[in-house]
C-alpha atoms as a PDB file:
ATOM      1  CA  MET A   1       0.000   0.000   0.000  1.00  0.00           C
ATOM      2  CA  ASN A   2       1.553   3.323  -1.064  1.00  0.00           C
ATOM      3  CA  ARG A   3       1.672   6.542   0.897  1.00  0.00           C
ATOM      4  CA  MET A   4      -1.145   8.071  -1.151  1.00  0.00           C
ATOM      5  CA  ASP A   5      -3.531   5.285  -0.163  1.00  0.00           C
ATOM      6  CA  ILE A   6      -2.618   5.727   3.507  1.00  0.00           C
ATOM      7  CA  ASN A   7      -3.243   9.487   3.317  1.00  0.00           C
ATOM      8  CA  VAL A   8      -6.631   8.913   1.677  1.00  0.00           C
ATOM      9  CA  GLN A   9      -7.568   6.443   4.408  1.00  0.00           C
ATOM     10  CA  TRP A  10      -6.614   9.000   7.055  1.00  0.00           C
ATOM     11  CA  VAL A  11      -8.744  11.654   5.338  1.00  0.00           C
ATOM     12  CA  PHE A  12     -11.726   9.271   5.269  1.00  0.00           C
ATOM     13  CA  THR A  13     -11.175   8.368   8.921  1.00  0.00           C
ATOM     14  CA  SER A  14     -10.975  12.000   9.994  1.00  0.00           C
ATOM     15  CA  MET A  15     -14.102  12.889   7.977  1.00  0.00           C
ATOM     16  CA  ALA A  16     -15.980   9.963   9.547  1.00  0.00           C
ATOM     17  CA  LEU A  17     -14.958  11.110  13.029  1.00  0.00           C
ATOM     18  CA  LEU A  18     -15.874  14.721  12.204  1.00  0.00           C
ATOM     19  CA  GLY A  19     -19.313  13.621  10.980  1.00  0.00           C
ATOM     20  CA  LEU A  20     -19.782  11.382  14.016  1.00  0.00           C
ATOM     21  CA  ALA A  21     -18.879  14.174  16.457  1.00  0.00           C
ATOM     22  CA  SER A  22     -20.988  16.729  14.541  1.00  0.00           C
ATOM     23  CA  GLY A  23     -24.072  14.520  14.507  1.00  0.00           C
ATOM     24  CA  MET A  24     -23.785  13.628  18.193  1.00  0.00           C
ATOM     25  CA  ILE A  25     -23.253  17.163  19.491  1.00  0.00           C
ATOM     26  CA  GLY A  26     -25.740  18.497  16.933  1.00  0.00           C
ATOM     27  CA  THR A  27     -28.450  16.408  18.592  1.00  0.00           C
ATOM     28  CA  PHE A  28     -28.180  18.496  21.752  1.00  0.00           C
ATOM     29  CA  ALA A  29     -27.886  21.745  19.772  1.00  0.00           C
ATOM     30  CA  LEU A  30     -31.113  20.862  17.955  1.00  0.00           C
ATOM     31  CA  LEU A  31     -33.059  19.821  21.064  1.00  0.00           C
ATOM     32  CA  LYS A  32     -31.866  22.902  22.992  1.00  0.00           C
ATOM     33  CA  LYS A  33     -32.910  25.083  20.033  1.00  0.00           C
ATOM     34  CA  GLN A  34     -29.363  26.381  19.552  1.00  0.00           C
ATOM     35  CA  SER A  35     -29.095  25.595  15.855  1.00  0.00           C
ATOM     36  CA  LEU A  36     -28.312  29.197  14.951  1.00  0.00           C
ATOM     37  CA  ILE A  37     -25.397  29.278  17.387  1.00  0.00           C
ATOM     38  CA  GLY A  38     -23.464  26.780  15.266  1.00  0.00           C
ATOM     39  CA  ASP A  39     -24.210  28.825  12.150  1.00  0.00           C
ATOM     40  CA  ALA A  40     -23.025  32.006  13.850  1.00  0.00           C
ATOM     41  CA  MET A  41     -19.825  30.353  15.091  1.00  0.00           C
ATOM     42  CA  ALA A  42     -19.000  28.961  11.643  1.00  0.00           C
ATOM     43  CA  HIS A  43     -19.457  32.287   9.864  1.00  0.00           C
ATOM     44  CA  ALA A  44     -17.788  34.293  12.658  1.00  0.00           C
ATOM     45  CA  ALA A  45     -14.692  32.083  12.412  1.00  0.00           C
ATOM     46  CA  LEU A  46     -13.664  33.384   8.977  1.00  0.00           C
ATOM     47  CA  PRO A  47     -12.109  36.710  10.108  1.00  0.00           C
ATOM     48  CA  GLY A  48     -10.189  34.882  12.841  1.00  0.00           C
ATOM     49  CA  ILE A  49      -8.730  32.504  10.246  1.00  0.00           C
ATOM     50  CA  CYS A  50      -7.747  35.395   7.976  1.00  0.00           C
ATOM     51  CA  ILE A  51      -6.142  37.385  10.797  1.00  0.00           C
ATOM     52  CA  ALA A  52      -4.195  34.291  11.916  1.00  0.00           C
ATOM     53  CA  PHE A  53      -2.865  33.906   8.357  1.00  0.00           C
ATOM     54  CA  LEU A  54      -1.888  37.578   8.174  1.00  0.00           C
ATOM     55  CA  LEU A  55       0.004  37.321  11.475  1.00  0.00           C
ATOM     56  CA  TYR A  56       1.739  33.998  10.753  1.00  0.00           C
ATOM     57  CA  GLY A  57       2.248  34.429   7.017  1.00  0.00           C
ATOM     58  CA  GLN A  58       1.480  30.857   5.963  1.00  0.00           C
ATOM     59  CA  LYS A  59      -1.058  28.072   6.401  1.00  0.00           C
ATOM     60  CA  SER A  60      -1.171  26.460   9.842  1.00  0.00           C
ATOM     61  CA  LEU A  61      -4.361  24.643  10.797  1.00  0.00           C
ATOM     62  CA  LEU A  62      -3.623  24.814  14.525  1.00  0.00           C
ATOM     63  CA  LEU A  63      -3.162  28.602  14.429  1.00  0.00           C
ATOM     64  CA  PHE A  64      -6.188  28.930  12.165  1.00  0.00           C
ATOM     65  CA  LEU A  65      -8.238  26.987  14.697  1.00  0.00           C
ATOM     66  CA  ILE A  66      -7.027  29.231  17.521  1.00  0.00           C
ATOM     67  CA  GLY A  67      -7.898  32.315  15.479  1.00  0.00           C
ATOM     68  CA  ALA A  68     -11.298  30.887  14.585  1.00  0.00           C
ATOM     69  CA  ALA A  69     -12.019  29.996  18.215  1.00  0.00           C
ATOM     70  CA  CYS A  70     -11.068  33.498  19.389  1.00  0.00           C
ATOM     71  CA  SER A  71     -13.202  35.094  16.679  1.00  0.00           C
ATOM     72  CA  GLY A  72     -16.129  32.832  17.584  1.00  0.00           C
ATOM     73  CA  TYR A  73     -15.733  33.682  21.272  1.00  0.00           C
ATOM     74  CA  ILE A  74     -15.782  37.425  20.484  1.00  0.00           C
ATOM     75  CA  ALA A  75     -18.902  36.887  18.378  1.00  0.00           C
ATOM     76  CA  THR A  76     -20.572  35.097  21.305  1.00  0.00           C
ATOM     77  CA  ILE A  77     -19.755  38.023  23.612  1.00  0.00           C
ATOM     78  CA  CYS A  78     -21.198  40.450  21.046  1.00  0.00           C
ATOM     79  CA  ILE A  79     -24.423  38.429  20.779  1.00  0.00           C
ATOM     80  CA  GLN A  80     -24.823  38.293  24.560  1.00  0.00           C
ATOM     81  CA  PHE A  81     -24.084  42.040  24.865  1.00  0.00           C
ATOM     82  CA  ILE A  82     -26.703  42.948  22.232  1.00  0.00           C
ATOM     83  CA  VAL A  83     -29.359  40.720  23.841  1.00  0.00           C
ATOM     84  CA  LYS A  84     -28.608  42.025  27.351  1.00  0.00           C
ATOM     85  CA  HIS A  85     -28.383  45.760  26.644  1.00  0.00           C
ATOM     86  CA  THR A  86     -30.893  46.229  23.815  1.00  0.00           C
ATOM     87  CA  ARG A  87     -34.403  45.109  22.933  1.00  0.00           C
ATOM     88  CA  VAL A  88     -33.105  42.994  20.056  1.00  0.00           C
ATOM     89  CA  LYS A  89     -34.030  39.317  20.402  1.00  0.00           C
ATOM     90  CA  GLU A  90     -31.416  36.569  20.323  1.00  0.00           C
ATOM     91  CA  ASP A  91     -32.161  35.300  16.806  1.00  0.00           C
ATOM     92  CA  ALA A  92     -31.914  38.834  15.405  1.00  0.00           C
ATOM     93  CA  ALA A  93     -28.697  39.458  17.355  1.00  0.00           C
ATOM     94  CA  ILE A  94     -27.202  36.243  15.948  1.00  0.00           C
ATOM     95  CA  GLY A  95     -28.148  37.348  12.429  1.00  0.00           C
ATOM     96  CA  ILE A  96     -26.541  40.766  12.916  1.00  0.00           C
ATOM     97  CA  VAL A  97     -23.281  39.419  14.345  1.00  0.00           C
ATOM     98  CA  LEU A  98     -23.136  36.584  11.788  1.00  0.00           C
ATOM     99  CA  SER A  99     -23.473  39.019   8.882  1.00  0.00           C
ATOM    100  CA  VAL A 100     -20.939  41.527  10.202  1.00  0.00           C
ATOM    101  CA  PHE A 101     -18.265  38.937  11.017  1.00  0.00           C
ATOM    102  CA  PHE A 102     -18.751  37.021   7.771  1.00  0.00           C
ATOM    103  CA  GLY A 103     -18.619  40.248   5.769  1.00  0.00           C
ATOM    104  CA  LEU A 104     -15.378  41.220   7.515  1.00  0.00           C
ATOM    105  CA  GLY A 105     -13.981  37.768   6.778  1.00  0.00           C
ATOM    106  CA  ILE A 106     -14.840  38.056   3.064  1.00  0.00           C
ATOM    107  CA  VAL A 107     -13.096  41.452   2.903  1.00  0.00           C
ATOM    108  CA  LEU A 108      -9.946  40.036   4.536  1.00  0.00           C
ATOM    109  CA  LEU A 109     -10.065  36.914   2.342  1.00  0.00           C
ATOM    110  CA  THR A 110     -10.318  39.033  -0.814  1.00  0.00           C
ATOM    111  CA  TRP A 111      -7.405  41.190   0.338  1.00  0.00           C
ATOM    112  CA  ILE A 112      -5.261  38.110   1.029  1.00  0.00           C
ATOM    113  CA  ASN A 113      -6.010  36.529  -2.357  1.00  0.00           C
ATOM    114  CA  GLN A 114      -5.087  39.748  -4.168  1.00  0.00           C
ATOM    115  CA  HIS A 115      -1.590  39.753  -2.676  1.00  0.00           C
ATOM    116  CA  GLU A 116       1.370  37.614  -3.666  1.00  0.00           C
ATOM    117  CA  GLY A 117       1.140  34.080  -2.306  1.00  0.00           C
ATOM    118  CA  GLY A 118      -2.458  34.493  -1.213  1.00  0.00           C
ATOM    119  CA  ASN A 119      -3.878  32.179  -3.851  1.00  0.00           C
ATOM    120  CA  GLN A 120      -1.426  29.463  -2.851  1.00  0.00           C
ATOM    121  CA  SER A 121      -2.154  29.760   0.872  1.00  0.00           C
ATOM    122  CA  GLY A 122      -5.066  27.308   0.760  1.00  0.00           C
ATOM    123  CA  ILE A 123      -7.113  29.668   2.901  1.00  0.00           C
ATOM    124  CA  HIS A 124      -9.807  29.913   0.205  1.00  0.00           C
ATOM    125  CA  ASP A 125     -10.643  26.234   0.945  1.00  0.00           C
ATOM    126  CA  PHE A 126     -12.156  27.355   4.244  1.00  0.00           C
ATOM    127  CA  LEU A 127     -15.149  28.867   2.418  1.00  0.00           C
ATOM    128  CA  PHE A 128     -16.622  25.642   1.001  1.00  0.00           C
ATOM    129  CA  GLY A 129     -14.187  23.060   2.352  1.00  0.00           C
ATOM    130  CA  LYS A 130     -11.867  20.681   0.523  1.00  0.00           C
ATOM    131  CA  ALA A 131     -10.861  17.353   2.055  1.00  0.00           C
ATOM    132  CA  ALA A 132      -8.082  16.910  -0.511  1.00  0.00           C
ATOM    133  CA  SER A 133      -6.293  19.952   0.932  1.00  0.00           C
ATOM    134  CA  LEU A 134      -5.905  18.344   4.372  1.00  0.00           C
ATOM    135  CA  THR A 135      -2.274  17.645   5.250  1.00  0.00           C
ATOM    136  CA  GLY A 136      -1.004  15.043   7.721  1.00  0.00           C
ATOM    137  CA  SER A 137      -0.864  17.565  10.567  1.00  0.00           C
ATOM    138  CA  ASP A 138      -4.372  18.821   9.671  1.00  0.00           C
ATOM    139  CA  VAL A 139      -5.733  15.266   9.848  1.00  0.00           C
ATOM    140  CA  ASN A 140      -4.032  14.704  13.212  1.00  0.00           C
ATOM    141  CA  VAL A 141      -5.535  17.866  14.733  1.00  0.00           C
ATOM    142  CA  LEU A 142      -8.987  17.067  13.326  1.00  0.00           C
ATOM    143  CA  THR A 143      -8.890  13.446  14.488  1.00  0.00           C
ATOM    144  CA  VAL A 144      -7.660  14.174  18.020  1.00  0.00           C
ATOM    145  CA  THR A 145     -10.195  16.971  18.533  1.00  0.00           C
ATOM    146  CA  ALA A 146     -13.106  14.923  17.149  1.00  0.00           C
ATOM    147  CA  VAL A 147     -12.242  11.923  19.341  1.00  0.00           C
ATOM    148  CA  THR A 148     -11.966  14.220  22.378  1.00  0.00           C
ATOM    149  CA  VAL A 149     -15.406  15.713  21.653  1.00  0.00           C
ATOM    150  CA  ILE A 150     -16.944  12.238  21.283  1.00  0.00           C
ATOM    151  CA  ILE A 151     -15.416  11.088  24.582  1.00  0.00           C
ATOM    152  CA  MET A 152     -16.681  14.235  26.339  1.00  0.00           C
ATOM    153  CA  ILE A 153     -20.197  13.613  25.011  1.00  0.00           C
ATOM    154  CA  LEU A 154     -20.120  10.045  26.320  1.00  0.00           C
ATOM    155  CA  ILE A 155     -18.826  11.158  29.732  1.00  0.00           C
ATOM    156  CA  PHE A 156     -21.393  13.936  30.221  1.00  0.00           C
ATOM    157  CA  PHE A 157     -24.252  12.324  28.292  1.00  0.00           C
ATOM    158  CA  LYS A 158     -26.532  11.855  31.320  1.00  0.00           C
ATOM    159  CA  GLU A 159     -25.942  15.423  32.511  1.00  0.00           C
ATOM    160  CA  PHE A 160     -26.504  16.864  29.026  1.00  0.00           C
ATOM    161  CA  LYS A 161     -29.747  14.876  28.810  1.00  0.00           C
ATOM    162  CA  ILE A 162     -31.024  16.301  32.097  1.00  0.00           C
ATOM    163  CA  ILE A 163     -30.201  19.958  31.337  1.00  0.00           C
ATOM    164  CA  THR A 164     -31.705  19.589  27.852  1.00  0.00           C
ATOM    165  CA  PHE A 165     -35.118  18.330  28.986  1.00  0.00           C
ATOM    166  CA  ASP A 166     -35.518  19.568  32.581  1.00  0.00           C
ATOM    167  CA  ARG A 167     -33.333  22.501  33.587  1.00  0.00           C
ATOM    168  CA  ALA A 168     -35.193  23.061  36.866  1.00  0.00           C
ATOM    169  CA  PHE A 169     -34.750  19.414  37.921  1.00  0.00           C
ATOM    170  CA  ALA A 170     -31.040  19.630  37.095  1.00  0.00           C
ATOM    171  CA  GLN A 171     -30.661  22.660  39.343  1.00  0.00           C
ATOM    172  CA  GLY A 172     -32.667  20.917  42.061  1.00  0.00           C
ATOM    173  CA  ILE A 173     -30.316  17.924  42.223  1.00  0.00           C
ATOM    174  CA  GLY A 174     -27.241  20.146  42.353  1.00  0.00           C
ATOM    175  CA  ILE A 175     -26.061  20.053  38.739  1.00  0.00           C
ATOM    176  CA  SER A 176     -24.261  23.214  37.628  1.00  0.00           C
ATOM    177  CA  VAL A 177     -26.400  24.057  34.611  1.00  0.00           C
ATOM    178  CA  SER A 178     -24.370  27.108  33.604  1.00  0.00           C
ATOM    179  CA  LEU A 179     -21.124  25.110  33.713  1.00  0.00           C
ATOM    180  CA  LEU A 180     -22.551  22.266  31.627  1.00  0.00           C
ATOM    181  CA  ASN A 181     -24.059  24.736  29.167  1.00  0.00           C
ATOM    182  CA  GLY A 182     -20.585  26.215  28.850  1.00  0.00           C
ATOM    183  CA  VAL A 183     -19.100  22.762  28.233  1.00  0.00           C
ATOM    184  CA  LEU A 184     -21.769  22.022  25.627  1.00  0.00           C
ATOM    185  CA  MET A 185     -21.123  25.346  23.874  1.00  0.00           C
ATOM    186  CA  PHE A 186     -17.375  24.672  23.941  1.00  0.00           C
ATOM    187  CA  LEU A 187     -17.922  21.278  22.280  1.00  0.00           C
ATOM    188  CA  ILE A 188     -20.171  22.828  19.617  1.00  0.00           C
ATOM    189  CA  VAL A 189     -17.572  25.510  18.862  1.00  0.00           C
ATOM    190  CA  SER A 190     -14.786  22.880  18.797  1.00  0.00           C
ATOM    191  CA  VAL A 191     -16.624  20.739  16.228  1.00  0.00           C
ATOM    192  CA  VAL A 192     -17.441  23.784  14.111  1.00  0.00           C
ATOM    193  CA  VAL A 193     -13.829  24.985  14.169  1.00  0.00           C
ATOM    194  CA  ILE A 194     -12.193  21.656  13.264  1.00  0.00           C
ATOM    195  CA  GLY A 195     -14.665  21.129  10.426  1.00  0.00           C
ATOM    196  CA  LEU A 196     -14.053  24.463   8.752  1.00  0.00           C
ATOM    197  CA  GLN A 197     -11.338  23.344   6.337  1.00  0.00           C
ATOM    198  CA  ALA A 198     -13.048  20.055   5.479  1.00  0.00           C
ATOM    199  CA  VAL A 199     -16.641  21.326   5.140  1.00  0.00           C
ATOM    200  CA  GLY A 200     -16.281  25.114   5.013  1.00  0.00           C
ATOM    201  CA  VAL A 201     -17.614  28.054   7.002  1.00  0.00           C
ATOM    202  CA  VAL A 202     -20.699  28.372   4.784  1.00  0.00           C
ATOM    203  CA  LEU A 203     -22.040  24.846   5.365  1.00  0.00           C
ATOM    204  CA  MET A 204     -20.456  23.569   8.595  1.00  0.00           C
ATOM    205  CA  SER A 205     -23.530  24.387  10.656  1.00  0.00           C
ATOM    206  CA  ALA A 206     -25.622  22.180   8.349  1.00  0.00           C
ATOM    207  CA  LEU A 207     -23.448  19.178   9.265  1.00  0.00           C
ATOM    208  CA  LEU A 208     -24.388  19.810  12.894  1.00  0.00           C
ATOM    209  CA  ILE A 209     -28.143  19.949  12.379  1.00  0.00           C
ATOM    210  CA  THR A 210     -29.081  17.897   9.291  1.00  0.00           C
ATOM    211  CA  PRO A 211     -28.015  14.450  10.645  1.00  0.00           C
ATOM    212  CA  ALA A 212     -29.800  15.186  13.930  1.00  0.00           C
ATOM    213  CA  LEU A 213     -32.960  16.175  12.057  1.00  0.00           C
ATOM    214  CA  ALA A 214     -32.819  12.955  10.037  1.00  0.00           C
ATOM    215  CA  ALA A 215     -32.299  10.865  13.180  1.00  0.00           C
ATOM    216  CA  ARG A 216     -35.272  12.542  14.885  1.00  0.00           C
ATOM    217  CA  TYR A 217     -37.647  10.843  12.446  1.00  0.00           C
ATOM    218  CA  TRP A 218     -36.482   7.331  13.396  1.00  0.00           C
ATOM    219  CA  THR A 219     -36.678   7.325  17.186  1.00  0.00           C
ATOM    220  CA  GLU A 220     -37.995   9.135  20.246  1.00  0.00           C
ATOM    221  CA  LYS A 221     -35.164   8.010  22.557  1.00  0.00           C
ATOM    222  CA  LEU A 222     -32.249  10.402  22.975  1.00  0.00           C
ATOM    223  CA  GLU A 223     -29.671   7.607  23.138  1.00  0.00           C
ATOM    224  CA  TRP A 224     -30.701   6.149  19.781  1.00  0.00           C
ATOM    225  CA  MET A 225     -31.154   9.583  18.252  1.00  0.00           C
ATOM    226  CA  THR A 226     -27.599  10.539  19.223  1.00  0.00           C
ATOM    227  CA  LEU A 227     -26.163   7.312  17.776  1.00  0.00           C
ATOM    228  CA  LEU A 228     -28.196   7.599  14.569  1.00  0.00           C
ATOM    229  CA  ALA A 229     -27.250  11.247  14.117  1.00  0.00           C
ATOM    230  CA  GLY A 230     -23.587  10.348  14.576  1.00  0.00           C
ATOM    231  CA  GLY A 231     -23.914   7.509  12.074  1.00  0.00           C
ATOM    232  CA  PHE A 232     -25.659   9.722   9.508  1.00  0.00           C
ATOM    233  CA  GLY A 233     -22.989  12.398   9.987  1.00  0.00           C
ATOM    234  CA  ALA A 234     -20.138   9.897   9.581  1.00  0.00           C
ATOM    235  CA  LEU A 235     -21.721   8.420   6.446  1.00  0.00           C
ATOM    236  CA  SER A 236     -22.220  11.890   4.968  1.00  0.00           C
ATOM    237  CA  GLY A 237     -18.646  12.893   5.762  1.00  0.00           C
ATOM    238  CA  VAL A 238     -17.103   9.819   4.131  1.00  0.00           C
ATOM    239  CA  ALA A 239     -19.379   9.959   1.072  1.00  0.00           C
ATOM    240  CA  GLY A 240     -18.754  13.669   0.546  1.00  0.00           C
ATOM    241  CA  ALA A 241     -14.988  13.274   0.982  1.00  0.00           C
ATOM    242  CA  TYR A 242     -14.880  10.345  -1.461  1.00  0.00           C
ATOM    243  CA  ILE A 243     -16.737  12.215  -4.209  1.00  0.00           C
ATOM    244  CA  SER A 244     -14.660  15.327  -3.501  1.00  0.00           C
ATOM    245  CA  LEU A 245     -11.380  13.428  -3.905  1.00  0.00           C
ATOM    246  CA  ILE A 246     -12.322  11.767  -7.180  1.00  0.00           C
ATOM    247  CA  ALA A 247     -14.073  14.806  -8.693  1.00  0.00           C
ATOM    248  CA  TYR A 248     -11.750  17.522  -7.281  1.00  0.00           C
ATOM    249  CA  ALA A 249     -14.841  19.363  -6.060  1.00  0.00           C
ATOM    250  CA  PRO A 250     -15.463  21.289  -2.808  1.00  0.00           C
ATOM    251  CA  THR A 251     -16.191  18.875   0.012  1.00  0.00           C
ATOM    252  CA  GLY A 252     -18.729  20.934   1.960  1.00  0.00           C
ATOM    253  CA  PRO A 253     -21.557  21.022  -0.605  1.00  0.00           C
ATOM    254  CA  LEU A 254     -21.158  17.304  -1.351  1.00  0.00           C
ATOM    255  CA  VAL A 255     -21.267  16.350   2.337  1.00  0.00           C
ATOM    256  CA  ILE A 256     -24.385  18.442   2.904  1.00  0.00           C
ATOM    257  CA  ILE A 257     -26.068  17.118  -0.252  1.00  0.00           C
ATOM    258  CA  PHE A 258     -25.580  13.557   0.995  1.00  0.00           C
ATOM    259  CA  ALA A 259     -26.790  14.501   4.491  1.00  0.00           C
ATOM    260  CA  THR A 260     -29.828  16.183   2.948  1.00  0.00           C
ATOM    261  CA  MET A 261     -30.579  13.029   0.936  1.00  0.00           C
ATOM    262  CA  LEU A 262     -30.541  11.053   4.190  1.00  0.00           C
ATOM    263  CA  PHE A 263     -32.883  13.626   5.730  1.00  0.00           C
ATOM    264  CA  ILE A 264     -35.298  13.455   2.781  1.00  0.00           C
ATOM    265  CA  PHE A 265     -35.286   9.647   2.932  1.00  0.00           C
ATOM    266  CA  SER A 266     -35.995   9.784   6.681  1.00  0.00           C
ATOM    267  CA  PHE A 267     -38.694  12.403   6.173  1.00  0.00           C
ATOM    268  CA  LEU A 268     -40.446  10.195   3.645  1.00  0.00           C
ATOM    269  CA  PHE A 269     -39.853   6.620   4.806  1.00  0.00           C
ATOM    270  CA  ALA A 270     -39.170   6.571   8.563  1.00  0.00           C
ATOM    271  CA  PRO A 271     -41.489   3.904  10.084  1.00  0.00           C
ATOM    272  CA  LYS A 272     -43.397   6.118  12.546  1.00  0.00           C
ATOM    273  CA  ARG A 273     -42.834   9.739  11.569  1.00  0.00           C
ATOM    274  CA  GLY A 274     -42.168   9.425   7.832  1.00  0.00           C
ATOM    275  CA  LEU A 275     -44.628  11.123   5.498  1.00  0.00           C
ATOM    276  CA  CYS A 276     -45.259   7.986   3.412  1.00  0.00           C
ATOM    277  CA  SER A 277     -45.677   5.882   6.553  1.00  0.00           C
ATOM    278  CA  LYS A 278     -48.251   8.327   7.906  1.00  0.00           C
ATOM    279  CA  MET A 279     -50.124   8.315   4.600  1.00  0.00           C
ATOM    280  CA  ILE A 280     -50.176   4.491   4.547  1.00  0.00           C
ATOM    281  CA  ARG A 281     -51.449   4.355   8.139  1.00  0.00           C
ATOM    282  CA  ARG A 282     -54.146   6.915   7.400  1.00  0.00           C
ATOM    283  CA  HIS A 283     -55.189   4.968   4.304  1.00  0.00           C
ATOM    284  CA  ILE A 284     -55.436   1.750   6.327  1.00  0.00           C
ATOM    285  CA  GLU A 285     -57.398   3.489   9.081  1.00  0.00           C
ATOM    286  CA  ARG A 286     -59.723   5.033   6.482  1.00  0.00           C
ATOM    287  CA  LYS A 287     -60.324   1.598   4.921  1.00  0.00           C
ATOM    288  CA  LYS A 288     -61.047   0.112   8.347  1.00  0.00           C
ATOM    289  CA  LEU A 289     -63.461   2.937   9.134  1.00  0.00           C
ATOM    290  CA  GLN A 290     -65.236   2.488   5.779  1.00  0.00           C
ATOM    291  CA  SER A 291     -65.539  -1.265   6.299  1.00  0.00           C
ATOM    292  CA  GLN A 292     -66.915  -0.715   9.811  1.00  0.00           C
ATOM    293  CA  GLN A 293     -69.452   1.798   8.506  1.00  0.00           C
ATOM    294  CA  LEU A 294     -70.453  -0.620   5.736  1.00  0.00           C
ATOM    295  CA  MET A 295     -70.940  -3.452   8.245  1.00  0.00           C
ATOM    296  CA  TYR A 296     -72.966  -1.125  10.489  1.00  0.00           C
ATOM    297  CA  LYS A 297     -75.249  -0.163   7.571  1.00  0.00           C
ATOM    298  CA  ARG A 298     -75.748  -3.797   6.628  1.00  0.00           C
ATOM    299  CA  GLY A 299     -76.615  -4.581  10.239  1.00  0.00           C
ATOM    300  CA  GLU A 300     -79.240  -1.839  10.261  1.00  0.00           C
ATOM    301  CA  GLN A 301     -80.760  -3.157   7.025  1.00  0.00           C
ATOM    302  CA  LEU A 302     -81.038  -6.640   8.511  1.00  0.00           C
END
């Protein structure tokens, strides 16, 4: 097996782990109605990545991740400040901050690409993602972070479940809700940041939410929903990376297209909540009701 095959296997492994971590943590983001937070963090990360490149002068995923995390943290502070000191609601505040930070990132990205060496920096891949651009060190950082996030979810799963469904009960039994909310937000930001180069700032938030939405149609138990969402995310990541490598296309759109296909299939054919399943059940119930009415009429005639 040559070195190229090994590198491809590592890319697939890292994309599977990224999808697994995104789907699992996205389940809690969806149930806690924090879907927009992931979107805001992904878009707010772009100026941090650009500033890190301008300071360092060349591509370094670790420094890009630090810059993205700092930029995302500043965006979070801005959102909280707007909500606390104005009459603007949280969703509107997220939209404002998301637009401003993403616009600033586009300006910096354009400026970088217009200067010598900017086009070769690989920083443009952060817009829509490109798995083929991942180096060995990039894969290592992505893999280690994704595995850490997955382990943290497994460790704090019971606590996350309690604060998601019954915040008052969690406070009553002595659980530090604010601390666990902080841990959950940190994990969401971590997944968003490590997925930026592979999936892109534009679509990374969709990898958080779409697998969780698809999994929601198959089960009502959080444990199974989390596992299914992780599985759907991993499958989407590997499929998108594979097509991206053979077609030299951006990874992000392909990953999200595959995840969306899984969502549409779940929406239509899930046994209990699927649209087709509901239509079949209604048709059967209607037939039963008609047959019962027919038997009742025959009984009256007799």
